[in-house]
Amino acid sequence: MRIPTRRVLADDVYEQIRALIMSDGIAPAARVNIDEIARRLDVSPTPVREALARLESEELVSRLPLRGYRVTDLLNRKQVDDLYALRLLLEPPSAALAAGRMTAESVALIESELATCPAAPADDAYDDYKNLTAHDQRLHELILRIAGNDAVLQAFAKTHCHLHLFRLNFQQPFGVQTITEHRAIAEALVAGDEVGASAAMTAHLEIARSRLLDRM
């Protein structure tokens, strides 16, 4: 099926503005000038407005009454700590549940996801880091789906944590550690080791939190 040209344009504008925000091309807390962005991307203001509405739903921009949009602030130390505290409440027990529910199909899904990112990116380019972050998000969400608690999965999705953490982590050399930690989680899951899966997930989240807070 052919994708309508207008949809392709809207998606492309969305991705370009999102990349600018995520890589600090538009600074945190900065006003977003729709006409200026439209000129910069050589498009009309309409797809820019559509993109900003999508980005607002992801909490990357916020609407200012009668004044357009601004980029949201980066998370501060307390917000990072609160986010990881929530994840530590939700994800280790879910990893344990997932380990106890593993089937041949779920093992294949875990192994297939690991294969999408077998090694850390060679450099810190935006696209490489975006791919690693997308893999990280897919793996965490897959584990929650295998655990079978839809409420937890929805709560996790509403945090938009991977988007916020992307902005804080961009161009930081953490890929090798992340891949290693993912493999430890996956090994426990595949083995059906509930205690080990919970412990590996806890270690992964605590190490990630410490890595981030040490740089703030």
Protein backbone atom coordinates (compact mmCIF):
# COMPACT_ATOMS: atom_id res chain seq x y z
CA MET A 1 0.00 0.00 0.00
CA ARG A 2 1.34 3.40 -0.94
CA ILE A 3 1.75 5.82 1.98
CA PRO A 4 0.19 9.24 1.26
CA THR A 5 2.77 11.92 0.49
CA ARG A 6 1.33 14.26 3.14
CA ARG A 7 1.77 11.61 5.83
CA VAL A 8 5.37 10.98 4.76
CA LEU A 9 6.08 14.72 4.96
CA ALA A 10 4.45 15.03 8.39
CA ASP A 11 6.40 12.06 9.74
CA ASP A 12 9.67 13.41 8.33
CA VAL A 13 9.11 16.85 9.88
CA TYR A 14 8.25 15.22 13.20
CA GLU A 15 11.47 13.15 13.13
CA GLN A 16 13.60 16.17 12.24
CA ILE A 17 12.18 18.37 15.01
CA ARG A 18 12.42 15.48 17.48
CA ALA A 19 16.08 14.98 16.53
CA LEU A 20 16.78 18.68 17.10
CA ILE A 21 15.25 18.51 20.58
CA MET A 22 16.90 15.23 21.54
CA SER A 23 20.38 16.28 20.41
CA ASP A 24 20.12 19.79 21.91
CA GLY A 25 19.74 21.41 18.48
CA ILE A 26 16.87 23.29 20.12
CA ALA A 27 17.85 24.07 23.68
CA PRO A 28 15.82 22.97 26.71
CA ALA A 29 13.24 25.60 27.73
CA ALA A 30 13.67 27.44 24.39
CA ARG A 31 10.65 28.87 22.60
CA VAL A 32 9.83 27.07 19.35
CA ASN A 33 9.22 29.53 16.52
CA ILE A 34 6.95 27.67 14.10
CA ASP A 35 7.68 29.93 11.13
CA GLU A 36 11.42 29.75 11.74
CA ILE A 37 11.37 25.96 11.97
CA ALA A 38 9.25 25.79 8.80
CA ARG A 39 11.81 27.92 6.93
CA ARG A 40 14.66 25.84 8.34
CA LEU A 41 13.06 22.61 7.13
CA ASP A 42 11.72 24.18 3.91
CA VAL A 43 8.12 23.19 4.63
CA SER A 44 4.87 24.99 5.38
CA PRO A 45 3.91 25.71 9.01
CA THR A 46 1.15 23.04 8.94
CA PRO A 47 3.34 19.92 9.31
CA VAL A 48 5.40 21.76 11.93
CA ARG A 49 2.27 22.37 14.01
CA GLU A 50 1.24 18.72 13.58
CA ALA A 51 4.69 17.58 14.69
CA LEU A 52 4.61 19.83 17.76
CA ALA A 53 1.24 18.39 18.78
CA ARG A 54 2.76 14.90 18.64
CA LEU A 55 5.82 16.04 20.58
CA GLU A 56 3.57 17.60 23.23
CA SER A 57 1.99 14.18 23.80
CA GLU A 58 5.52 12.85 24.44
CA GLU A 59 6.24 15.72 26.85
CA LEU A 60 9.13 17.00 24.75
CA VAL A 61 7.40 20.33 24.20
CA SER A 62 4.70 22.14 26.13
CA ARG A 63 2.09 24.56 24.85
CA LEU A 64 2.20 28.14 26.07
CA PRO A 65 -1.24 29.82 26.12
CA LEU A 66 -1.43 32.20 23.14
CA ARG A 67 2.36 31.97 22.70
CA GLY A 68 3.01 28.71 20.88
CA TYR A 69 5.35 26.03 22.21
CA ARG A 70 8.53 25.70 24.27
CA VAL A 71 10.89 22.78 24.67
CA THR A 72 10.48 21.14 28.06
CA ASP A 73 13.28 21.35 30.60
CA LEU A 74 15.70 18.50 31.15
CA LEU A 75 15.01 16.34 34.18
CA ASN A 76 16.70 17.56 37.35
CA ARG A 77 18.36 15.31 39.94
CA LYS A 78 15.20 14.81 41.97
CA GLN A 79 13.16 13.97 38.88
CA VAL A 80 15.78 11.46 37.75
CA ASP A 81 15.84 9.90 41.21
CA ASP A 82 12.03 9.76 41.30
CA LEU A 83 11.87 8.19 37.84
CA TYR A 84 14.31 5.45 38.76
CA ALA A 85 12.57 4.88 42.08
CA LEU A 86 9.38 4.20 40.14
CA ARG A 87 11.16 1.92 37.70
CA LEU A 88 12.73 -0.01 40.55
CA LEU A 89 9.27 -0.58 41.99
CA LEU A 90 7.85 -1.78 38.67
CA GLU A 91 10.55 -3.51 36.65
CA PRO A 92 12.43 -5.98 38.89
CA PRO A 93 9.20 -7.70 40.05
CA SER A 94 8.04 -7.72 36.43
CA ALA A 95 11.32 -9.31 35.33
CA ALA A 96 10.77 -12.03 37.94
CA LEU A 97 7.24 -12.59 36.67
CA ALA A 98 8.47 -12.71 33.08
CA ALA A 99 11.12 -15.30 33.99
CA GLY A 100 8.39 -17.49 35.44
CA ARG A 101 6.26 -17.15 32.31
CA MET A 102 8.89 -17.80 29.65
CA THR A 103 7.82 -19.91 26.70
CA ALA A 104 9.65 -20.93 23.54
CA GLU A 105 7.99 -17.97 21.82
CA SER A 106 9.02 -15.44 24.47
CA VAL A 107 12.59 -16.80 24.50
CA ALA A 108 12.69 -16.27 20.73
CA LEU A 109 11.38 -12.72 21.14
CA ILE A 110 14.04 -11.87 23.74
CA GLU A 111 16.83 -13.35 21.63
CA SER A 112 15.54 -11.60 18.51
CA GLU A 113 15.52 -8.24 20.30
CA LEU A 114 19.07 -8.74 21.58
CA ALA A 115 20.15 -9.49 18.02
CA THR A 116 18.96 -6.03 16.89
CA CYS A 117 21.76 -4.46 18.94
CA PRO A 118 24.55 -7.03 19.44
CA ALA A 119 27.21 -4.42 20.22
CA ALA A 120 27.47 -0.82 21.32
CA PRO A 121 27.51 1.83 18.56
CA ALA A 122 30.91 2.63 17.12
CA ASP A 123 30.47 6.36 17.72
CA ASP A 124 28.16 8.82 19.44
CA ALA A 125 26.26 10.04 16.37
CA TYR A 126 22.60 10.82 16.91
CA ASP A 127 21.30 7.96 14.74
CA ASP A 128 23.54 5.40 16.47
CA TYR A 129 22.47 6.52 19.91
CA LYS A 130 18.83 6.66 18.83
CA ASN A 131 19.03 3.04 17.68
CA LEU A 132 20.56 1.90 20.98
CA THR A 133 17.93 3.77 22.97
CA ALA A 134 15.13 2.34 20.82
CA HIS A 135 16.49 -1.16 21.48
CA ASP A 136 16.64 -0.45 25.21
CA GLN A 137 13.03 0.73 25.24
CA ARG A 138 11.81 -2.25 23.18
CA LEU A 139 13.57 -4.73 25.47
CA HIS A 140 12.18 -3.23 28.67
CA GLU A 141 8.67 -3.08 27.21
CA LEU A 142 8.95 -6.65 25.92
CA ILE A 143 9.82 -7.88 29.41
CA LEU A 144 6.80 -6.05 30.82
CA ARG A 145 4.56 -7.57 28.14
CA ILE A 146 5.84 -11.07 28.91
CA ALA A 147 5.16 -10.41 32.59
CA GLY A 148 1.54 -9.86 31.56
CA ASN A 149 0.59 -6.83 33.68
CA ASP A 150 -0.99 -4.29 31.33
CA ALA A 151 -1.31 -1.66 34.08
CA VAL A 152 2.44 -1.73 34.70
CA LEU A 153 3.15 -1.53 30.96
CA GLN A 154 0.86 1.49 30.64
CA ALA A 155 2.42 3.19 33.67
CA PHE A 156 5.87 2.65 32.18
CA ALA A 157 4.80 4.05 28.80
CA LYS A 158 3.35 7.19 30.42
CA THR A 159 6.70 8.12 31.97
CA HIS A 160 8.27 8.62 28.51
CA CYS A 161 11.42 7.75 30.42
CA HIS A 162 13.51 6.75 27.41
CA LEU A 163 12.90 10.08 25.71
CA HIS A 164 13.83 12.08 28.81
CA LEU A 165 16.88 9.94 29.53
CA PHE A 166 17.98 10.16 25.90
CA ARG A 167 18.25 13.92 26.24
CA LEU A 168 20.35 13.61 29.39
CA ASN A 169 22.54 10.77 28.09
CA PHE A 170 23.12 11.94 24.52
CA GLN A 171 26.77 11.54 23.45
CA GLN A 172 27.73 9.81 26.70
CA PRO A 173 29.76 6.56 26.42
CA PHE A 174 27.46 4.10 28.14
CA GLY A 175 26.61 1.68 25.33
CA VAL A 176 28.95 -1.18 26.22
CA GLN A 177 27.72 -1.33 29.81
CA THR A 178 24.09 -1.27 28.69
CA ILE A 179 24.56 -4.16 26.26
CA THR A 180 26.34 -6.20 28.95
CA GLU A 181 23.58 -5.51 31.47
CA HIS A 182 20.90 -6.46 28.93
CA ARG A 183 22.59 -9.81 28.32
CA ALA A 184 22.64 -10.56 32.05
CA ILE A 185 18.91 -9.87 32.27
CA ALA A 186 18.20 -11.96 29.17
CA GLU A 187 20.25 -14.92 30.43
CA ALA A 188 18.25 -15.01 33.66
CA LEU A 189 14.97 -14.73 31.77
CA VAL A 190 15.82 -17.52 29.33
CA ALA A 191 16.91 -19.73 32.22
CA GLY A 192 13.59 -19.08 33.98
CA ASP A 193 15.54 -17.72 36.96
CA GLU A 194 13.06 -15.42 38.70
CA VAL A 195 15.43 -14.30 41.46
CA GLY A 196 18.26 -13.78 38.99
CA ALA A 197 16.08 -11.80 36.58
CA SER A 198 14.91 -9.49 39.35
CA ALA A 199 18.47 -9.01 40.59
CA ALA A 200 19.85 -8.33 37.09
CA MET A 201 17.12 -5.79 36.39
CA THR A 202 17.72 -4.09 39.74
CA ALA A 203 21.45 -3.89 39.06
CA HIS A 204 20.84 -2.51 35.55
CA LEU A 205 18.56 0.27 36.80
CA GLU A 206 20.71 1.17 39.81
CA ILE A 207 23.88 1.35 37.69
CA ALA A 208 22.11 3.48 35.07
CA ARG A 209 20.82 5.84 37.77
CA SER A 210 24.26 6.18 39.35
CA ARG A 211 25.92 6.75 35.96
CA LEU A 212 23.52 9.55 35.22
CA LEU A 213 23.46 11.24 38.63
CA ASP A 214 27.27 11.20 38.80
CA ARG A 215 27.33 13.48 35.74
CA MET A 216 24.66 15.92 36.91
